[in-house]
Amino acid sequence: MPTALFLSPHLDDVAFSCGGTVARLAAAGWRCVLATAFTRSVPHPTGFALACQADKGLPADVDYLALRRAEDAGACRALGAEPVWLDLPEAPHRGYGSAAELFAGVKDADDVWRPLADRLHALHREAAPDLVFTPQGLGNHVDHVQLIRAADAVRLLGAACWYRDTPYAIRDPAADPAAGVPTGPEFAVPVGAHLAAKLEACAAYRTQLGFQFGGESAMRDRLSAFALAEGGGESAERFVGRIPPTLAGRRAVWLEDATVTRTGGPRAGSGGAGGSLHDRPR
């Protein structure tokens, strides 16, 4: 059974960004491991950390991350994935004191990437993934940047497929990846047959839907419309990267009808074994 490892900064990023691809691989017989970096419960939050749950309508005595881990478990059931929680604190518990600071660059004293790299190394050794999916860092949230840095330290990124962080990609479809992340080549994975599973998984993150999308109905509408835009009229999810040569014989398992386009060029043909992946303009 081939294995795909999906790396998520927070408890929802993979589902929102590339949940259709997770569901597609799982349906094709892949073991899908969804590992989330920043999942630790921190008792008695204060300041900005407390505000991050209060603005979602949750009182101070609720264990916010325990609630989110339960949501993640439900989402993974919908996708056919195995959840792994790497138990590190989110940025508001690491000295970031406002929403603006989350997007203003990594603080010098924030070395969370080091223990995260240790956890990723152990996970990689256990899971032995054939494919690794990691965020592009669209939006430059510090937790996304630190996950990329940790994955780079463990040398996971040479064979990575870089997903487009959503909903950041919805807000700014032309957003640039984080520093050091490649901008091409790019491919698209059709997910129309698995969009319902993705949306069901995303709906499991109930604490996030109002804040991120304005509610469940709006989430379903916006993610469905975005998938159509990403595929040029066919529901798809887009990635930067190349399938590792060692997987050339397996590519047809999930990319047999993956298509991308060139500026002014024809629609690409089959992405199966022996086919090629074409650049797609951002």
Protein backbone atom coordinates (compact mmCIF):
# COMPACT_ATOMS: atom_id res chain seq x y z
CA MET A 1 0.00 0.00 0.00
CA PRO A 2 1.59 3.32 -1.01
CA THR A 3 1.55 6.08 1.60
CA ALA A 4 0.91 9.80 1.26
CA LEU A 5 1.90 12.11 4.11
CA PHE A 6 -0.01 15.39 4.30
CA LEU A 7 1.57 18.06 6.52
CA SER A 8 -0.81 20.61 8.02
CA PRO A 9 0.14 23.61 10.17
CA HIS A 10 -3.29 23.79 11.83
CA LEU A 11 -6.28 21.54 12.35
CA ASP A 12 -8.07 22.32 9.07
CA ASP A 13 -5.41 23.48 6.56
CA VAL A 14 -5.13 20.22 4.61
CA ALA A 15 -8.89 19.65 4.41
CA PHE A 16 -9.57 23.20 3.19
CA SER A 17 -6.62 23.17 0.79
CA CYS A 18 -6.40 19.68 -0.69
CA GLY A 19 -8.98 17.48 0.99
CA GLY A 20 -10.22 16.29 -2.39
CA THR A 21 -6.80 14.87 -3.19
CA VAL A 22 -6.67 13.13 0.20
CA ALA A 23 -10.06 11.53 -0.47
CA ARG A 24 -9.03 10.59 -4.00
CA LEU A 25 -5.84 8.87 -2.89
CA ALA A 26 -7.62 7.08 -0.03
CA ALA A 27 -10.28 5.80 -2.44
CA ALA A 28 -7.52 4.53 -4.72
CA GLY A 29 -6.06 2.42 -1.92
CA TRP A 30 -3.39 4.73 -0.55
CA ARG A 31 -2.67 5.06 3.15
CA CYS A 32 -3.14 8.77 3.85
CA VAL A 33 -1.55 10.19 7.00
CA LEU A 34 -2.65 13.71 7.93
CA ALA A 35 -0.13 15.16 10.39
CA THR A 36 -0.88 18.49 12.05
CA ALA A 37 1.92 20.44 13.70
CA PHE A 38 0.31 22.88 16.12
CA THR A 39 -2.26 21.01 18.18
CA ARG A 40 -1.25 21.40 21.83
CA SER A 41 -3.82 22.32 24.48
CA VAL A 42 -2.58 25.21 26.65
CA PRO A 43 -4.49 25.63 29.92
CA HIS A 44 -5.80 29.02 31.02
CA PRO A 45 -5.09 31.04 27.85
CA THR A 46 -4.82 34.79 28.17
CA GLY A 47 -4.43 37.82 25.92
CA PHE A 48 -4.38 37.20 22.19
CA ALA A 49 -4.46 33.42 22.67
CA LEU A 50 -7.74 33.74 24.55
CA ALA A 51 -9.07 36.18 21.95
CA CYS A 52 -8.47 33.56 19.24
CA GLN A 53 -11.11 31.32 20.79
CA ALA A 54 -13.38 34.08 22.07
CA ASP A 55 -13.81 35.47 18.55
CA LYS A 56 -15.26 32.09 17.61
CA GLY A 57 -17.83 32.26 20.37
CA LEU A 58 -16.04 29.94 22.80
CA PRO A 59 -15.78 30.74 26.52
CA ALA A 60 -12.45 30.86 28.36
CA ASP A 61 -12.99 27.54 30.16
CA VAL A 62 -13.26 25.52 26.92
CA ASP A 63 -10.21 23.50 25.89
CA TYR A 64 -10.10 24.99 22.41
CA LEU A 65 -7.50 22.66 20.95
CA ALA A 66 -9.15 19.54 22.38
CA LEU A 67 -12.32 20.63 20.61
CA ARG A 68 -10.38 21.19 17.39
CA ARG A 69 -8.64 17.81 17.62
CA ALA A 70 -12.05 16.16 17.89
CA GLU A 71 -13.13 18.07 14.79
CA ASP A 72 -10.01 16.88 12.99
CA ALA A 73 -10.73 13.27 13.88
CA GLY A 74 -14.17 13.63 12.28
CA ALA A 75 -12.72 15.28 9.19
CA CYS A 76 -10.20 12.49 8.78
CA ARG A 77 -12.96 9.90 8.95
CA ALA A 78 -14.73 11.67 6.09
CA LEU A 79 -11.54 11.74 4.01
CA GLY A 80 -10.29 8.24 4.83
CA ALA A 81 -7.13 9.58 6.49
CA GLU A 82 -5.25 8.82 9.70
CA PRO A 83 -4.84 11.84 12.00
CA VAL A 84 -1.49 12.48 13.71
CA TRP A 85 -1.17 15.38 16.17
CA LEU A 86 2.39 16.60 16.73
CA ASP A 87 1.52 18.46 19.94
CA LEU A 88 3.27 21.81 19.55
CA PRO A 89 1.74 25.17 20.57
CA GLU A 90 0.18 27.54 18.07
CA ALA A 91 1.76 30.94 17.48
CA PRO A 92 -0.45 32.84 19.97
CA HIS A 93 1.11 30.66 22.69
CA ARG A 94 4.64 31.36 21.43
CA GLY A 95 4.77 35.13 21.88
CA TYR A 96 2.74 36.41 18.92
CA GLY A 97 0.41 39.00 20.41
CA SER A 98 -1.88 40.10 17.59
CA ALA A 99 -3.32 39.03 14.26
CA ALA A 100 -0.91 41.38 12.50
CA GLU A 101 2.09 39.69 14.15
CA LEU A 102 1.02 36.31 12.73
CA PHE A 103 1.81 37.60 9.24
CA ALA A 104 4.75 39.93 9.99
CA GLY A 105 7.53 37.35 9.92
CA VAL A 106 8.93 34.75 12.32
CA LYS A 107 10.23 36.19 15.58
CA ASP A 108 13.92 35.65 16.32
CA ALA A 109 13.11 33.84 19.57
CA ASP A 110 10.64 31.44 17.92
CA ASP A 111 12.57 28.22 17.34
CA VAL A 112 9.55 25.88 17.32
CA TRP A 113 10.78 24.51 13.99
CA ARG A 114 13.48 22.56 15.85
CA PRO A 115 11.22 20.27 17.93
CA LEU A 116 8.87 20.12 14.95
CA ALA A 117 11.71 18.85 12.77
CA ASP A 118 12.41 16.12 15.34
CA ARG A 119 8.78 15.03 15.27
CA LEU A 120 8.67 15.07 11.47
CA HIS A 121 11.83 12.99 11.28
CA ALA A 122 10.31 10.33 13.56
CA LEU A 123 7.02 10.39 11.65
CA HIS A 124 8.76 10.09 8.30
CA ARG A 125 10.74 7.11 9.55
CA GLU A 126 7.55 5.39 10.75
CA ALA A 127 5.28 6.20 7.81
CA ALA A 128 7.90 5.87 5.02
CA PRO A 129 5.74 7.98 2.66
CA ASP A 130 5.88 7.72 -1.11
CA LEU A 131 4.55 11.27 -1.44
CA VAL A 132 4.74 14.26 0.91
CA PHE A 133 2.31 17.16 0.64
CA THR A 134 3.26 20.44 2.30
CA PRO A 135 1.91 24.02 2.21
CA GLN A 136 3.26 26.69 -0.09
CA GLY A 137 2.95 29.24 2.69
CA LEU A 138 0.51 31.49 0.84
CA GLY A 139 -0.37 34.29 3.24
CA ASN A 140 2.94 33.88 5.12
CA HIS A 141 1.34 32.84 8.41
CA VAL A 142 4.22 32.14 10.79
CA ASP A 143 2.97 28.63 11.62
CA HIS A 144 2.93 27.72 7.94
CA VAL A 145 6.43 29.16 7.49
CA GLN A 146 7.77 27.26 10.49
CA LEU A 147 6.32 23.98 9.20
CA ILE A 148 8.02 24.54 5.85
CA ARG A 149 11.31 25.28 7.62
CA ALA A 150 11.06 22.11 9.73
CA ALA A 151 10.21 19.94 6.72
CA ASP A 152 13.18 21.42 4.89
CA ALA A 153 15.48 20.63 7.82
CA VAL A 154 14.39 16.98 7.64
CA ARG A 155 14.88 17.03 3.85
CA LEU A 156 11.26 16.17 3.14
CA LEU A 157 10.82 18.86 0.53
CA GLY A 158 12.83 17.40 -2.34
CA ALA A 159 9.91 15.11 -3.22
CA ALA A 160 7.16 17.42 -1.96
CA CYS A 161 3.93 18.35 -3.67
CA TRP A 162 3.21 21.89 -2.49
CA TYR A 163 -0.49 22.63 -1.93
CA ARG A 164 -2.11 26.05 -2.19
CA ASP A 165 -2.99 27.18 1.34
CA THR A 166 -6.75 27.82 1.44
CA PRO A 167 -8.63 30.05 2.25
CA TYR A 168 -5.61 32.32 1.65
CA ALA A 169 -5.60 31.24 -2.00
CA ILE A 170 -9.28 32.20 -2.30
CA ARG A 171 -8.63 35.66 -0.89
CA ASP A 172 -5.66 36.20 -3.19
CA PRO A 173 -5.45 33.59 -5.99
CA ALA A 174 -2.18 35.14 -7.27
CA ALA A 175 -0.46 35.15 -3.86
CA ASP A 176 3.22 34.28 -3.89
CA PRO A 177 4.54 31.24 -1.97
CA ALA A 178 6.74 31.75 1.07
CA ALA A 179 10.42 32.47 0.56
CA GLY A 180 12.27 29.42 -0.72
CA VAL A 181 9.17 27.61 -1.99
CA PRO A 182 9.26 26.83 -5.73
CA THR A 183 6.79 28.54 -8.06
CA GLY A 184 6.66 25.77 -10.67
CA PRO A 185 6.07 23.43 -12.37
CA GLU A 186 2.42 23.17 -11.39
CA PHE A 187 -0.16 20.44 -11.87
CA ALA A 188 -3.86 20.06 -11.16
CA VAL A 189 -5.60 17.02 -9.68
CA PRO A 190 -9.27 16.61 -10.68
CA VAL A 191 -11.34 16.05 -7.53
CA GLY A 192 -14.92 16.33 -8.76
CA ALA A 193 -15.75 12.78 -7.72
CA HIS A 194 -14.38 13.46 -4.25
CA LEU A 195 -15.55 17.02 -3.68
CA ALA A 196 -18.49 15.88 -1.55
CA ALA A 197 -16.09 14.05 0.80
CA LYS A 198 -13.90 17.14 1.01
CA LEU A 199 -16.82 19.40 1.86
CA GLU A 200 -18.08 16.94 4.45
CA ALA A 201 -14.64 16.90 6.05
CA CYS A 202 -14.41 20.68 6.02
CA ALA A 203 -17.82 20.91 7.66
CA ALA A 204 -16.43 18.96 10.61
CA TYR A 205 -14.34 22.00 11.59
CA ARG A 206 -17.36 23.74 13.02
CA THR A 207 -15.40 26.16 15.20
CA GLN A 208 -13.74 27.62 12.11
CA LEU A 209 -16.54 27.91 9.57
CA GLY A 210 -18.05 31.19 10.69
CA PHE A 211 -14.70 32.89 11.19
CA GLN A 212 -13.14 31.68 7.93
CA PHE A 213 -16.12 31.57 5.56
CA GLY A 214 -19.20 33.04 7.21
CA GLY A 215 -20.81 29.67 7.94
CA GLU A 216 -21.11 26.15 6.54
CA SER A 217 -23.25 27.02 3.55
CA ALA A 218 -20.85 29.77 2.50
CA MET A 219 -17.92 27.40 2.97
CA ARG A 220 -19.48 24.84 0.65
CA ASP A 221 -20.25 27.49 -1.96
CA ARG A 222 -16.84 29.15 -1.83
CA LEU A 223 -14.75 25.97 -1.85
CA SER A 224 -16.86 24.49 -4.67
CA ALA A 225 -16.49 27.66 -6.76
CA PHE A 226 -12.78 27.83 -6.03
CA ALA A 227 -12.26 24.21 -7.11
CA LEU A 228 -13.97 24.98 -10.43
CA ALA A 229 -11.75 28.04 -10.91
CA GLU A 230 -8.62 26.04 -10.09
CA GLY A 231 -9.52 23.47 -12.74
CA GLY A 232 -10.76 25.90 -15.38
CA GLY A 233 -14.32 24.61 -15.18
CA GLU A 234 -13.56 21.14 -13.77
CA SER A 235 -13.22 20.79 -10.01
CA ALA A 236 -9.54 20.45 -9.20
CA GLU A 237 -6.79 21.21 -6.69
CA ARG A 238 -3.50 22.66 -7.83
CA PHE A 239 0.00 21.84 -6.65
CA VAL A 240 3.57 22.86 -7.36
CA GLY A 241 6.06 20.03 -7.76
CA ARG A 242 6.85 16.88 -9.68
CA ILE A 243 5.96 13.29 -8.99
CA PRO A 244 9.18 11.54 -7.87
CA PRO A 245 10.69 9.32 -10.62
CA THR A 246 10.34 6.28 -8.35
CA LEU A 247 6.56 6.74 -8.54
CA ALA A 248 6.34 6.99 -12.32
CA GLY A 249 4.68 3.59 -12.49
CA ARG A 250 2.13 4.54 -9.85
CA ARG A 251 1.27 7.96 -11.20
CA ALA A 252 -1.74 6.58 -13.05
CA VAL A 253 -3.25 5.59 -9.71
CA TRP A 254 -4.24 9.17 -9.09
CA LEU A 255 -3.07 11.46 -11.87
CA GLU A 256 -4.35 9.53 -14.87
CA ASP A 257 -6.56 12.46 -15.80
CA ALA A 258 -4.67 15.32 -14.18
CA THR A 259 -4.46 18.25 -16.54
CA VAL A 260 -2.87 21.66 -16.58
CA THR A 261 -2.41 24.32 -19.24
CA ARG A 262 0.24 26.58 -20.70
CA THR A 263 -0.39 30.19 -21.63
CA GLY A 264 -1.73 30.04 -25.16
CA GLY A 265 -1.15 26.30 -25.30
CA PRO A 266 -3.44 23.30 -25.63
CA ARG A 267 -4.95 21.45 -22.71
CA ALA A 268 -2.48 18.85 -21.51
CA GLY A 269 -3.09 15.20 -22.16
CA SER A 270 -2.97 12.26 -19.78
CA GLY A 271 -0.74 12.57 -16.73
CA GLY A 272 -0.30 8.81 -16.51
CA ALA A 273 2.96 6.92 -16.55
CA GLY A 274 5.12 8.15 -19.38
CA GLY A 275 3.17 11.43 -19.62
CA SER A 276 4.51 14.83 -18.70
CA LEU A 277 3.47 17.56 -16.30
CA HIS A 278 3.19 21.00 -17.88
CA ASP A 279 3.71 24.38 -16.30
CA ARG A 280 0.58 26.32 -15.58
CA PRO A 281 0.78 30.08 -15.13
CA ARG A 282 -0.13 31.40 -11.72
